[in-house]
Amino acid sequence: MAPHPDPARPPNRSRRLLPWILGGVCALITIVVVLVLAAGAVWYFALRETPQSVVEDYFATWEAADCERYEEVSTEAYRGEEYTCEFWQENIAQQKEEGIEYHDEVVSSEVDGDRATVHVEEKTTKGSESTEGIFDIHLVREDGSWRLDSTTIIQEPEAL
């Protein structure tokens, strides 16, 4: 005859629950790992700084006449010895007052270690007049960030 269970003592359920607990912990760990990998992929492919993204940031910086950001994305050599924030902003303001607009397109970029070249085509308009120029922006990596360092004009735009 089988012994009757003691009604004051519940049956041992821990052995039956253990696989469910371990499965839940493993699922939680898997979800965390997938989220970390997804976040890393987004950063690597979309958010990390590239020479091309720095040049595009420079164009937006110029449009906004943001000296602080301009100084962050360029080297002293790029800005020149005579650079002052006030003069840079006045130059931008004067060009805008004259109705000069720039439409820049990054065509390609090449990276060679801590140096990079970004090829840019630029269309400049003033009223109904327009001209096109092509230039390369050379960047260097400083303190882990890309910075504009020099420019080579490939096709000089005509004066407007």
C-alpha atoms as a PDB file:
ATOM      1  CA  MET A   1       0.000   0.000   0.000  1.00  0.00           C
ATOM      2  CA  ALA A   2       1.312   3.463  -0.984  1.00  0.00           C
ATOM      3  CA  PRO A   3       1.824   6.033   1.705  1.00  0.00           C
ATOM      4  CA  HIS A   4      -0.636   8.885   1.728  1.00  0.00           C
ATOM      5  CA  PRO A   5       0.820  12.355   1.348  1.00  0.00           C
ATOM      6  CA  ASP A   6       0.812  14.507   4.412  1.00  0.00           C
ATOM      7  CA  PRO A   7      -1.850  17.203   3.831  1.00  0.00           C
ATOM      8  CA  ALA A   8       0.183  19.710   5.890  1.00  0.00           C
ATOM      9  CA  ARG A   9       3.161  19.305   3.539  1.00  0.00           C
ATOM     10  CA  PRO A  10       2.767  20.270  -0.145  1.00  0.00           C
ATOM     11  CA  PRO A  11       4.268  17.975  -2.787  1.00  0.00           C
ATOM     12  CA  ASN A  12       7.826  18.770  -3.942  1.00  0.00           C
ATOM     13  CA  ARG A  13       7.216  21.009  -6.967  1.00  0.00           C
ATOM     14  CA  SER A  14      10.713  22.506  -7.154  1.00  0.00           C
ATOM     15  CA  ARG A  15      11.912  19.687  -9.407  1.00  0.00           C
ATOM     16  CA  ARG A  16       9.078  20.344 -11.839  1.00  0.00           C
ATOM     17  CA  LEU A  17       9.647  24.140 -11.835  1.00  0.00           C
ATOM     18  CA  LEU A  18      13.440  24.038 -12.259  1.00  0.00           C
ATOM     19  CA  PRO A  19      13.384  23.554 -16.079  1.00  0.00           C
ATOM     20  CA  TRP A  20      10.931  26.472 -16.412  1.00  0.00           C
ATOM     21  CA  ILE A  21      13.097  28.739 -14.267  1.00  0.00           C
ATOM     22  CA  LEU A  22      16.267  27.831 -16.193  1.00  0.00           C
ATOM     23  CA  GLY A  23      14.460  28.308 -19.511  1.00  0.00           C
ATOM     24  CA  GLY A  24      13.274  31.773 -18.457  1.00  0.00           C
ATOM     25  CA  VAL A  25      16.763  32.810 -17.349  1.00  0.00           C
ATOM     26  CA  CYS A  26      18.261  31.566 -20.644  1.00  0.00           C
ATOM     27  CA  ALA A  27      15.587  33.418 -22.647  1.00  0.00           C
ATOM     28  CA  LEU A  28      16.276  36.620 -20.711  1.00  0.00           C
ATOM     29  CA  ILE A  29      20.031  36.322 -21.308  1.00  0.00           C
ATOM     30  CA  THR A  30      19.415  35.692 -25.025  1.00  0.00           C
ATOM     31  CA  ILE A  31      17.203  38.788 -25.293  1.00  0.00           C
ATOM     32  CA  VAL A  32      19.836  40.965 -23.583  1.00  0.00           C
ATOM     33  CA  VAL A  33      22.606  39.667 -25.880  1.00  0.00           C
ATOM     34  CA  VAL A  34      20.479  40.299 -29.000  1.00  0.00           C
ATOM     35  CA  LEU A  35      19.685  43.858 -27.854  1.00  0.00           C
ATOM     36  CA  VAL A  36      23.357  44.613 -27.167  1.00  0.00           C
ATOM     37  CA  LEU A  37      24.368  43.269 -30.592  1.00  0.00           C
ATOM     38  CA  ALA A  38      21.611  45.272 -32.307  1.00  0.00           C
ATOM     39  CA  ALA A  39      22.675  48.475 -30.532  1.00  0.00           C
ATOM     40  CA  GLY A  40      26.291  47.848 -31.546  1.00  0.00           C
ATOM     41  CA  ALA A  41      25.284  47.304 -35.171  1.00  0.00           C
ATOM     42  CA  VAL A  42      23.243  50.528 -35.224  1.00  0.00           C
ATOM     43  CA  TRP A  43      26.186  52.459 -33.793  1.00  0.00           C
ATOM     44  CA  TYR A  44      28.675  50.896 -36.210  1.00  0.00           C
ATOM     45  CA  PHE A  45      26.643  51.345 -39.366  1.00  0.00           C
ATOM     46  CA  ALA A  46      24.617  54.485 -38.668  1.00  0.00           C
ATOM     47  CA  LEU A  47      26.002  56.590 -35.842  1.00  0.00           C
ATOM     48  CA  ARG A  48      29.757  56.278 -35.971  1.00  0.00           C
ATOM     49  CA  GLU A  49      31.722  59.177 -37.312  1.00  0.00           C
ATOM     50  CA  THR A  50      33.089  58.757 -40.828  1.00  0.00           C
ATOM     51  CA  PRO A  51      35.044  61.221 -42.974  1.00  0.00           C
ATOM     52  CA  GLN A  52      31.947  61.591 -45.154  1.00  0.00           C
ATOM     53  CA  SER A  53      29.689  62.335 -42.170  1.00  0.00           C
ATOM     54  CA  VAL A  54      32.178  64.937 -40.864  1.00  0.00           C
ATOM     55  CA  VAL A  55      32.224  66.733 -44.231  1.00  0.00           C
ATOM     56  CA  GLU A  56      28.416  66.717 -44.328  1.00  0.00           C
ATOM     57  CA  ASP A  57      28.420  68.019 -40.739  1.00  0.00           C
ATOM     58  CA  TYR A  58      30.798  70.779 -41.858  1.00  0.00           C
ATOM     59  CA  PHE A  59      28.344  71.859 -44.582  1.00  0.00           C
ATOM     60  CA  ALA A  60      25.550  72.066 -41.984  1.00  0.00           C
ATOM     61  CA  THR A  61      27.925  73.894 -39.621  1.00  0.00           C
ATOM     62  CA  TRP A  62      28.721  76.441 -42.335  1.00  0.00           C
ATOM     63  CA  GLU A  63      25.021  76.945 -43.081  1.00  0.00           C
ATOM     64  CA  ALA A  64      24.353  77.577 -39.376  1.00  0.00           C
ATOM     65  CA  ALA A  65      27.526  79.706 -38.967  1.00  0.00           C
ATOM     66  CA  ASP A  66      28.321  77.640 -35.864  1.00  0.00           C
ATOM     67  CA  CYS A  67      31.913  78.551 -34.928  1.00  0.00           C
ATOM     68  CA  GLU A  68      32.110  76.168 -32.010  1.00  0.00           C
ATOM     69  CA  ARG A  69      31.225  73.158 -34.156  1.00  0.00           C
ATOM     70  CA  TYR A  70      33.430  74.422 -37.008  1.00  0.00           C
ATOM     71  CA  GLU A  71      36.395  74.459 -34.652  1.00  0.00           C
ATOM     72  CA  GLU A  72      35.538  70.911 -33.542  1.00  0.00           C
ATOM     73  CA  VAL A  73      35.455  69.478 -37.091  1.00  0.00           C
ATOM     74  CA  SER A  74      38.512  71.287 -38.482  1.00  0.00           C
ATOM     75  CA  THR A  75      42.207  71.566 -37.715  1.00  0.00           C
ATOM     76  CA  GLU A  76      44.002  74.847 -37.054  1.00  0.00           C
ATOM     77  CA  ALA A  77      45.731  74.393 -40.415  1.00  0.00           C
ATOM     78  CA  TYR A  78      42.348  74.217 -42.173  1.00  0.00           C
ATOM     79  CA  ARG A  79      41.056  77.365 -40.470  1.00  0.00           C
ATOM     80  CA  GLY A  80      44.258  79.290 -41.158  1.00  0.00           C
ATOM     81  CA  GLU A  81      46.404  81.564 -39.030  1.00  0.00           C
ATOM     82  CA  GLU A  82      44.148  84.584 -39.542  1.00  0.00           C
ATOM     83  CA  TYR A  83      40.974  82.741 -38.467  1.00  0.00           C
ATOM     84  CA  THR A  84      38.587  84.361 -36.038  1.00  0.00           C
ATOM     85  CA  CYS A  85      35.060  83.231 -35.357  1.00  0.00           C
ATOM     86  CA  GLU A  86      33.725  86.730 -36.003  1.00  0.00           C
ATOM     87  CA  PHE A  87      35.388  87.031 -39.418  1.00  0.00           C
ATOM     88  CA  TRP A  88      34.200  83.545 -40.423  1.00  0.00           C
ATOM     89  CA  GLN A  89      30.607  84.366 -39.445  1.00  0.00           C
ATOM     90  CA  GLU A  90      30.773  87.772 -41.206  1.00  0.00           C
ATOM     91  CA  ASN A  91      31.970  86.083 -44.406  1.00  0.00           C
ATOM     92  CA  ILE A  92      29.047  83.651 -44.308  1.00  0.00           C
ATOM     93  CA  ALA A  93      26.563  86.441 -43.563  1.00  0.00           C
ATOM     94  CA  GLN A  94      27.904  88.547 -46.448  1.00  0.00           C
ATOM     95  CA  GLN A  95      27.572  85.671 -48.920  1.00  0.00           C
ATOM     96  CA  LYS A  96      24.002  85.012 -47.767  1.00  0.00           C
ATOM     97  CA  GLU A  97      23.149  88.729 -48.111  1.00  0.00           C
ATOM     98  CA  GLU A  98      24.452  88.602 -51.682  1.00  0.00           C
ATOM     99  CA  GLY A  99      22.124  85.662 -52.360  1.00  0.00           C
ATOM    100  CA  ILE A 100      24.898  83.106 -52.817  1.00  0.00           C
ATOM    101  CA  GLU A 101      23.794  79.545 -52.090  1.00  0.00           C
ATOM    102  CA  TYR A 102      25.882  76.377 -52.051  1.00  0.00           C
ATOM    103  CA  HIS A 103      24.583  72.920 -52.889  1.00  0.00           C
ATOM    104  CA  ASP A 104      27.237  70.355 -52.012  1.00  0.00           C
ATOM    105  CA  GLU A 105      27.164  66.646 -52.753  1.00  0.00           C
ATOM    106  CA  VAL A 106      29.621  64.150 -51.347  1.00  0.00           C
ATOM    107  CA  VAL A 107      30.465  61.867 -54.260  1.00  0.00           C
ATOM    108  CA  SER A 108      32.945  59.454 -52.685  1.00  0.00           C
ATOM    109  CA  SER A 109      35.437  59.010 -49.886  1.00  0.00           C
ATOM    110  CA  GLU A 110      38.657  57.086 -49.381  1.00  0.00           C
ATOM    111  CA  VAL A 111      40.321  56.215 -46.091  1.00  0.00           C
ATOM    112  CA  ASP A 112      44.021  55.401 -45.742  1.00  0.00           C
ATOM    113  CA  GLY A 113      44.841  54.855 -42.082  1.00  0.00           C
ATOM    114  CA  ASP A 114      44.545  58.189 -40.243  1.00  0.00           C
ATOM    115  CA  ARG A 115      44.048  60.160 -43.458  1.00  0.00           C
ATOM    116  CA  ALA A 116      40.989  60.414 -45.689  1.00  0.00           C
ATOM    117  CA  THR A 117      39.856  62.217 -48.813  1.00  0.00           C
ATOM    118  CA  VAL A 118      36.239  63.149 -49.525  1.00  0.00           C
ATOM    119  CA  HIS A 119      35.378  64.076 -53.126  1.00  0.00           C
ATOM    120  CA  VAL A 120      32.737  66.838 -53.344  1.00  0.00           C
ATOM    121  CA  GLU A 121      30.797  68.381 -56.220  1.00  0.00           C
ATOM    122  CA  GLU A 122      29.458  71.850 -55.504  1.00  0.00           C
ATOM    123  CA  LYS A 123      26.905  73.931 -57.355  1.00  0.00           C
ATOM    124  CA  THR A 124      26.907  77.606 -56.423  1.00  0.00           C
ATOM    125  CA  THR A 125      23.957  79.799 -57.329  1.00  0.00           C
ATOM    126  CA  LYS A 126      23.313  83.510 -57.170  1.00  0.00           C
ATOM    127  CA  GLY A 127      19.913  84.406 -58.519  1.00  0.00           C
ATOM    128  CA  SER A 128      19.662  82.846 -61.987  1.00  0.00           C
ATOM    129  CA  GLU A 129      23.446  82.392 -62.335  1.00  0.00           C
ATOM    130  CA  SER A 130      25.153  79.181 -61.345  1.00  0.00           C
ATOM    131  CA  THR A 131      28.567  77.599 -61.505  1.00  0.00           C
ATOM    132  CA  GLU A 132      29.991  74.228 -60.564  1.00  0.00           C
ATOM    133  CA  GLY A 133      33.161  73.231 -58.831  1.00  0.00           C
ATOM    134  CA  ILE A 134      34.765  69.977 -57.783  1.00  0.00           C
ATOM    135  CA  PHE A 135      37.125  69.624 -54.846  1.00  0.00           C
ATOM    136  CA  ASP A 136      38.643  67.128 -52.454  1.00  0.00           C
ATOM    137  CA  ILE A 137      38.566  67.692 -48.728  1.00  0.00           C
ATOM    138  CA  HIS A 138      41.436  66.001 -46.914  1.00  0.00           C
ATOM    139  CA  LEU A 139      40.865  64.892 -43.327  1.00  0.00           C
ATOM    140  CA  VAL A 140      43.109  63.598 -40.558  1.00  0.00           C
ATOM    141  CA  ARG A 141      42.190  61.612 -37.484  1.00  0.00           C
ATOM    142  CA  GLU A 142      43.004  63.529 -34.290  1.00  0.00           C
ATOM    143  CA  ASP A 143      42.212  62.165 -30.840  1.00  0.00           C
ATOM    144  CA  GLY A 144      39.960  59.522 -32.438  1.00  0.00           C
ATOM    145  CA  SER A 145      37.895  62.018 -34.456  1.00  0.00           C
ATOM    146  CA  TRP A 146      38.054  63.014 -38.114  1.00  0.00           C
ATOM    147  CA  ARG A 147      38.944  66.673 -38.764  1.00  0.00           C
ATOM    148  CA  LEU A 148      39.046  68.697 -41.996  1.00  0.00           C
ATOM    149  CA  ASP A 149      42.701  69.499 -42.707  1.00  0.00           C
ATOM    150  CA  SER A 150      43.004  70.874 -46.264  1.00  0.00           C
ATOM    151  CA  THR A 151      41.223  71.241 -49.594  1.00  0.00           C
ATOM    152  CA  THR A 152      42.378  70.580 -53.148  1.00  0.00           C
ATOM    153  CA  ILE A 153      40.402  72.254 -55.921  1.00  0.00           C
ATOM    154  CA  ILE A 154      39.910  69.902 -58.852  1.00  0.00           C
ATOM    155  CA  GLN A 155      37.659  72.165 -60.947  1.00  0.00           C
ATOM    156  CA  GLU A 156      37.604  75.849 -60.057  1.00  0.00           C
ATOM    157  CA  PRO A 157      34.086  77.309 -60.112  1.00  0.00           C
ATOM    158  CA  GLU A 158      33.626  80.494 -62.111  1.00  0.00           C
ATOM    159  CA  ALA A 159      33.162  83.692 -60.119  1.00  0.00           C
ATOM    160  CA  LEU A 160      29.564  84.815 -59.629  1.00  0.00           C
END
